[in-house]
Amino acid sequence: MLDFQTIHCPYCGEPLEIAVDVSAGDQQYIEDCQVCCRPINMSVTLDEDEFAHVIARAENDA
């Protein structure tokens, strides 16, 4: 099942719509920005209702 989320690129600030596979559970992965092509670290956590919460960070952010 896919959940579509809008995030903002931590580099260029552009809004991006991403598809999150909620059947995979909590996850971390890297996805390139569709505008500036820089790598975004994605952290996805699911709440008890299986709603995805996405945090997008720059490559060197802690």
PDB file of N, CA and C in Angstrom:
ATOM      1  N   MET A   1       0.839  -1.174   0.000  1.00  0.00           N
ATOM      2  CA  MET A   1       0.000   0.000   0.000  1.00  0.00           C
ATOM      3  C   MET A   1       0.888   1.242   0.000  1.00  0.00           C
ATOM      4  N   LEU A   2       0.576   2.184  -0.877  1.00  0.00           N
ATOM      5  CA  LEU A   2       1.370   3.406  -0.987  1.00  0.00           C
ATOM      6  C   LEU A   2       0.658   4.568  -0.306  1.00  0.00           C
ATOM      7  N   ASP A   3       1.446   5.388   0.359  1.00  0.00           N
ATOM      8  CA  ASP A   3       0.964   6.623   0.979  1.00  0.00           C
ATOM      9  C   ASP A   3       1.755   7.752   0.320  1.00  0.00           C
ATOM     10  N   PHE A   4       1.071   8.714  -0.252  1.00  0.00           N
ATOM     11  CA  PHE A   4       1.744   9.821  -0.920  1.00  0.00           C
ATOM     12  C   PHE A   4       1.899  10.981   0.047  1.00  0.00           C
ATOM     13  N   GLN A   5       3.126  11.479   0.146  1.00  0.00           N
ATOM     14  CA  GLN A   5       3.476  12.562   1.058  1.00  0.00           C
ATOM     15  C   GLN A   5       4.150  13.682   0.274  1.00  0.00           C
ATOM     16  N   THR A   6       3.983  14.902   0.754  1.00  0.00           N
ATOM     17  CA  THR A   6       4.712  16.031   0.190  1.00  0.00           C
ATOM     18  C   THR A   6       5.763  16.450   1.200  1.00  0.00           C
ATOM     19  N   ILE A   7       6.999  16.500   0.729  1.00  0.00           N
ATOM     20  CA  ILE A   7       8.116  16.957   1.564  1.00  0.00           C
ATOM     21  C   ILE A   7       8.746  18.149   0.858  1.00  0.00           C
ATOM     22  N   HIS A   8       9.656  18.818   1.547  1.00  0.00           N
ATOM     23  CA  HIS A   8      10.433  19.898   0.930  1.00  0.00           C
ATOM     24  C   HIS A   8      11.891  19.476   0.926  1.00  0.00           C
ATOM     25  N   CYS A   9      12.533  19.660  -0.194  1.00  0.00           N
ATOM     26  CA  CYS A   9      13.950  19.320  -0.313  1.00  0.00           C
ATOM     27  C   CYS A   9      14.742  20.169   0.680  1.00  0.00           C
ATOM     28  N   PRO A  10      15.613  19.524   1.480  1.00  0.00           N
ATOM     29  CA  PRO A  10      16.416  20.290   2.440  1.00  0.00           C
ATOM     30  C   PRO A  10      17.487  21.153   1.782  1.00  0.00           C
ATOM     31  N   TYR A  11      17.723  20.975   0.497  1.00  0.00           N
ATOM     32  CA  TYR A  11      18.729  21.753  -0.228  1.00  0.00           C
ATOM     33  C   TYR A  11      18.099  22.937  -0.958  1.00  0.00           C
ATOM     34  N   CYS A  12      17.163  22.634  -1.866  1.00  0.00           N
ATOM     35  CA  CYS A  12      16.607  23.694  -2.712  1.00  0.00           C
ATOM     36  C   CYS A  12      15.241  24.195  -2.233  1.00  0.00           C
ATOM     37  N   GLY A  13      14.626  23.492  -1.296  1.00  0.00           N
ATOM     38  CA  GLY A  13      13.357  23.932  -0.726  1.00  0.00           C
ATOM     39  C   GLY A  13      12.124  23.623  -1.561  1.00  0.00           C
ATOM     40  N   GLU A  14      12.293  23.002  -2.713  1.00  0.00           N
ATOM     41  CA  GLU A  14      11.154  22.696  -3.582  1.00  0.00           C
ATOM     42  C   GLU A  14      10.285  21.604  -2.968  1.00  0.00           C
ATOM     43  N   PRO A  15       8.963  21.733  -3.095  1.00  0.00           N
ATOM     44  CA  PRO A  15       8.082  20.661  -2.621  1.00  0.00           C
ATOM     45  C   PRO A  15       8.154  19.467  -3.569  1.00  0.00           C
ATOM     46  N   LEU A  16       8.188  18.276  -2.995  1.00  0.00           N
ATOM     47  CA  LEU A  16       8.283  17.041  -3.770  1.00  0.00           C
ATOM     48  C   LEU A  16       7.235  16.065  -3.264  1.00  0.00           C
ATOM     49  N   GLU A  17       6.521  15.414  -4.171  1.00  0.00           N
ATOM     50  CA  GLU A  17       5.595  14.370  -3.768  1.00  0.00           C
ATOM     51  C   GLU A  17       6.308  13.037  -3.879  1.00  0.00           C
ATOM     52  N   ILE A  18       6.308  12.291  -2.780  1.00  0.00           N
ATOM     53  CA  ILE A  18       6.959  10.991  -2.768  1.00  0.00           C
ATOM     54  C   ILE A  18       5.926   9.923  -2.409  1.00  0.00           C
ATOM     55  N   ALA A  19       6.170   8.721  -2.878  1.00  0.00           N
ATOM     56  CA  ALA A  19       5.326   7.575  -2.555  1.00  0.00           C
ATOM     57  C   ALA A  19       6.049   6.739  -1.508  1.00  0.00           C
ATOM     58  N   VAL A  20       5.367   6.459  -0.405  1.00  0.00           N
ATOM     59  CA  VAL A  20       5.940   5.676   0.680  1.00  0.00           C
ATOM     60  C   VAL A  20       5.203   4.339   0.737  1.00  0.00           C
ATOM     61  N   ASP A  21       5.959   3.243   0.686  1.00  0.00           N
ATOM     62  CA  ASP A  21       5.385   1.907   0.790  1.00  0.00           C
ATOM     63  C   ASP A  21       5.188   1.588   2.268  1.00  0.00           C
ATOM     64  N   VAL A  22       3.976   1.761   2.772  1.00  0.00           N
ATOM     65  CA  VAL A  22       3.724   1.552   4.202  1.00  0.00           C
ATOM     66  C   VAL A  22       3.770   0.080   4.589  1.00  0.00           C
ATOM     67  N   SER A  23       3.689  -0.825   3.624  1.00  0.00           N
ATOM     68  CA  SER A  23       3.776  -2.250   3.948  1.00  0.00           C
ATOM     69  C   SER A  23       5.197  -2.646   4.367  1.00  0.00           C
ATOM     70  N   ALA A  24       6.183  -1.784   4.099  1.00  0.00           N
ATOM     71  CA  ALA A  24       7.571  -2.066   4.467  1.00  0.00           C
ATOM     72  C   ALA A  24       7.884  -1.670   5.905  1.00  0.00           C
ATOM     73  N   GLY A  25       6.946  -1.029   6.604  1.00  0.00           N
ATOM     74  CA  GLY A  25       7.186  -0.610   7.989  1.00  0.00           C
ATOM     75  C   GLY A  25       8.105   0.590   8.064  1.00  0.00           C
ATOM     76  N   ASP A  26       8.687   0.797   9.261  1.00  0.00           N
ATOM     77  CA  ASP A  26       9.632   1.898   9.436  1.00  0.00           C
ATOM     78  C   ASP A  26      10.839   1.651   8.530  1.00  0.00           C
ATOM     79  N   GLN A  27      11.354   2.729   7.959  1.00  0.00           N
ATOM     80  CA  GLN A  27      12.448   2.569   7.005  1.00  0.00           C
ATOM     81  C   GLN A  27      13.284   3.828   6.894  1.00  0.00           C
ATOM     82  N   GLN A  28      14.497   3.657   6.404  1.00  0.00           N
ATOM     83  CA  GLN A  28      15.390   4.769   6.091  1.00  0.00           C
ATOM     84  C   GLN A  28      15.999   4.476   4.728  1.00  0.00           C
ATOM     85  N   TYR A  29      16.025   5.494   3.888  1.00  0.00           N
ATOM     86  CA  TYR A  29      16.598   5.324   2.561  1.00  0.00           C
ATOM     87  C   TYR A  29      16.996   6.677   2.006  1.00  0.00           C
ATOM     88  N   ILE A  30      17.720   6.665   0.893  1.00  0.00           N
ATOM     89  CA  ILE A  30      18.156   7.900   0.228  1.00  0.00           C
ATOM     90  C   ILE A  30      17.428   8.004  -1.101  1.00  0.00           C
ATOM     91  N   GLU A  31      16.873   9.180  -1.343  1.00  0.00           N
ATOM     92  CA  GLU A  31      16.193   9.455  -2.611  1.00  0.00           C
ATOM     93  C   GLU A  31      16.698  10.794  -3.135  1.00  0.00           C
ATOM     94  N   ASP A  32      17.040  10.846  -4.405  1.00  0.00           N
ATOM     95  CA  ASP A  32      17.530  12.087  -4.998  1.00  0.00           C
ATOM     96  C   ASP A  32      16.383  13.065  -5.228  1.00  0.00           C
ATOM     97  N   CYS A  33      16.651  14.348  -4.990  1.00  0.00           N
ATOM     98  CA  CYS A  33      15.674  15.398  -5.263  1.00  0.00           C
ATOM     99  C   CYS A  33      15.380  15.413  -6.762  1.00  0.00           C
ATOM    100  N   GLN A  34      14.120  15.527  -7.113  1.00  0.00           N
ATOM    101  CA  GLN A  34      13.705  15.548  -8.515  1.00  0.00           C
ATOM    102  C   GLN A  34      14.051  16.873  -9.184  1.00  0.00           C
ATOM    103  N   VAL A  35      14.398  17.898  -8.393  1.00  0.00           N
ATOM    104  CA  VAL A  35      14.700  19.222  -8.941  1.00  0.00           C
ATOM    105  C   VAL A  35      16.206  19.459  -8.988  1.00  0.00           C
ATOM    106  N   CYS A  36      16.889  19.345  -7.835  1.00  0.00           N
ATOM    107  CA  CYS A  36      18.312  19.673  -7.788  1.00  0.00           C
ATOM    108  C   CYS A  36      19.216  18.442  -7.803  1.00  0.00           C
ATOM    109  N   CYS A  37      18.636  17.253  -7.751  1.00  0.00           N
ATOM    110  CA  CYS A  37      19.353  15.966  -7.863  1.00  0.00           C
ATOM    111  C   CYS A  37      20.277  15.647  -6.692  1.00  0.00           C
ATOM    112  N   ARG A  38      20.151  16.348  -5.574  1.00  0.00           N
ATOM    113  CA  ARG A  38      20.995  16.048  -4.420  1.00  0.00           C
ATOM    114  C   ARG A  38      20.346  14.958  -3.576  1.00  0.00           C
ATOM    115  N   PRO A  39      21.156  14.165  -2.847  1.00  0.00           N
ATOM    116  CA  PRO A  39      20.622  13.030  -2.080  1.00  0.00           C
ATOM    117  C   PRO A  39      19.932  13.478  -0.792  1.00  0.00           C
ATOM    118  N   ILE A  40      18.712  13.006  -0.606  1.00  0.00           N
ATOM    119  CA  ILE A  40      17.928  13.328   0.583  1.00  0.00           C
ATOM    120  C   ILE A  40      17.808  12.061   1.425  1.00  0.00           C
ATOM    121  N   ASN A  41      18.170  12.157   2.708  1.00  0.00           N
ATOM    122  CA  ASN A  41      17.996  11.046   3.642  1.00  0.00           C
ATOM    123  C   ASN A  41      16.550  11.050   4.125  1.00  0.00           C
ATOM    124  N   MET A  42      15.820   9.993   3.835  1.00  0.00           N
ATOM    125  CA  MET A  42      14.420   9.859   4.233  1.00  0.00           C
ATOM    126  C   MET A  42      14.323   8.924   5.424  1.00  0.00           C
ATOM    127  N   SER A  43      13.633   9.380   6.467  1.00  0.00           N
ATOM    128  CA  SER A  43      13.317   8.528   7.611  1.00  0.00           C
ATOM    129  C   SER A  43      11.801   8.434   7.691  1.00  0.00           C
ATOM    130  N   VAL A  44      11.291   7.215   7.610  1.00  0.00           N
ATOM    131  CA  VAL A  44       9.853   6.986   7.616  1.00  0.00           C
ATOM    132  C   VAL A  44       9.492   6.175   8.852  1.00  0.00           C
ATOM    133  N   THR A  45       8.544   6.680   9.614  1.00  0.00           N
ATOM    134  CA  THR A  45       7.984   5.927  10.729  1.00  0.00           C
ATOM    135  C   THR A  45       6.478   5.856  10.541  1.00  0.00           C
ATOM    136  N   LEU A  46       5.900   4.759  10.973  1.00  0.00           N
ATOM    137  CA  LEU A  46       4.454   4.566  10.872  1.00  0.00           C
ATOM    138  C   LEU A  46       3.841   4.668  12.260  1.00  0.00           C
ATOM    139  N   ASP A  47       2.697   5.357  12.346  1.00  0.00           N
ATOM    140  CA  ASP A  47       1.994   5.398  13.625  1.00  0.00           C
ATOM    141  C   ASP A  47       1.070   4.187  13.720  1.00  0.00           C
ATOM    142  N   GLU A  48       0.292   4.096  14.790  1.00  0.00           N
ATOM    143  CA  GLU A  48      -0.555   2.927  15.026  1.00  0.00           C
ATOM    144  C   GLU A  48      -1.653   2.761  13.969  1.00  0.00           C
ATOM    145  N   ASP A  49      -1.981   3.835  13.248  1.00  0.00           N
ATOM    146  CA  ASP A  49      -2.973   3.764  12.173  1.00  0.00           C
ATOM    147  C   ASP A  49      -2.320   3.551  10.807  1.00  0.00           C
ATOM    148  N   GLU A  50      -1.028   3.226  10.801  1.00  0.00           N
ATOM    149  CA  GLU A  50      -0.221   3.021   9.593  1.00  0.00           C
ATOM    150  C   GLU A  50      -0.160   4.259   8.709  1.00  0.00           C
ATOM    151  N   PHE A  51      -0.188   5.440   9.331  1.00  0.00           N
ATOM    152  CA  PHE A  51       0.038   6.697   8.618  1.00  0.00           C
ATOM    153  C   PHE A  51       1.527   6.980   8.659  1.00  0.00           C
ATOM    154  N   ALA A  52       2.104   7.258   7.506  1.00  0.00           N
ATOM    155  CA  ALA A  52       3.546   7.487   7.410  1.00  0.00           C
ATOM    156  C   ALA A  52       3.909   8.915   7.819  1.00  0.00           C
ATOM    157  N   HIS A  53       4.953   9.023   8.625  1.00  0.00           N
ATOM    158  CA  HIS A  53       5.546  10.305   8.996  1.00  0.00           C
ATOM    159  C   HIS A  53       6.947  10.319   8.390  1.00  0.00           C
ATOM    160  N   VAL A  54       7.196  11.287   7.513  1.00  0.00           N
ATOM    161  CA  VAL A  54       8.452  11.332   6.775  1.00  0.00           C
ATOM    162  C   VAL A  54       9.273  12.541   7.228  1.00  0.00           C
ATOM    163  N   ILE A  55      10.543  12.295   7.513  1.00  0.00           N
ATOM    164  CA  ILE A  55      11.490  13.366   7.817  1.00  0.00           C
ATOM    165  C   ILE A  55      12.543  13.334   6.724  1.00  0.00           C
ATOM    166  N   ALA A  56      12.736  14.480   6.068  1.00  0.00           N
ATOM    167  CA  ALA A  56      13.724  14.598   4.991  1.00  0.00           C
ATOM    168  C   ALA A  56      14.884  15.444   5.485  1.00  0.00           C
ATOM    169  N   ARG A  57      16.084  14.900   5.385  1.00  0.00           N
ATOM    170  CA  ARG A  57      17.274  15.594   5.865  1.00  0.00           C
ATOM    171  C   ARG A  57      18.333  15.646   4.765  1.00  0.00           C
ATOM    172  N   ALA A  58      19.165  16.678   4.861  1.00  0.00           N
ATOM    173  CA  ALA A  58      20.321  16.770   3.969  1.00  0.00           C
ATOM    174  C   ALA A  58      21.307  15.656   4.328  1.00  0.00           C
ATOM    175  N   GLU A  59      22.175  15.346   3.415  1.00  0.00           N
ATOM    176  CA  GLU A  59      23.111  14.230   3.568  1.00  0.00           C
ATOM    177  C   GLU A  59      23.965  14.340   4.838  1.00  0.00           C
ATOM    178  N   ASN A  60      24.392  15.530   5.224  1.00  0.00           N
ATOM    179  CA  ASN A  60      25.273  15.697   6.369  1.00  0.00           C
ATOM    180  C   ASN A  60      24.568  16.111   7.659  1.00  0.00           C
ATOM    181  N   ASP A  61      23.232  16.196   7.648  1.00  0.00           N
ATOM    182  CA  ASP A  61      22.495  16.532   8.861  1.00  0.00           C
ATOM    183  C   ASP A  61      22.457  15.340   9.796  1.00  0.00           C
ATOM    184  N   ALA A  62      22.500  15.625  11.080  1.00  0.00           N
ATOM    185  CA  ALA A  62      22.475  14.548  12.076  1.00  0.00           C
ATOM    186  C   ALA A  62      21.083  14.026  12.290  1.00  0.00           C
TER     187      ALA A  62
END
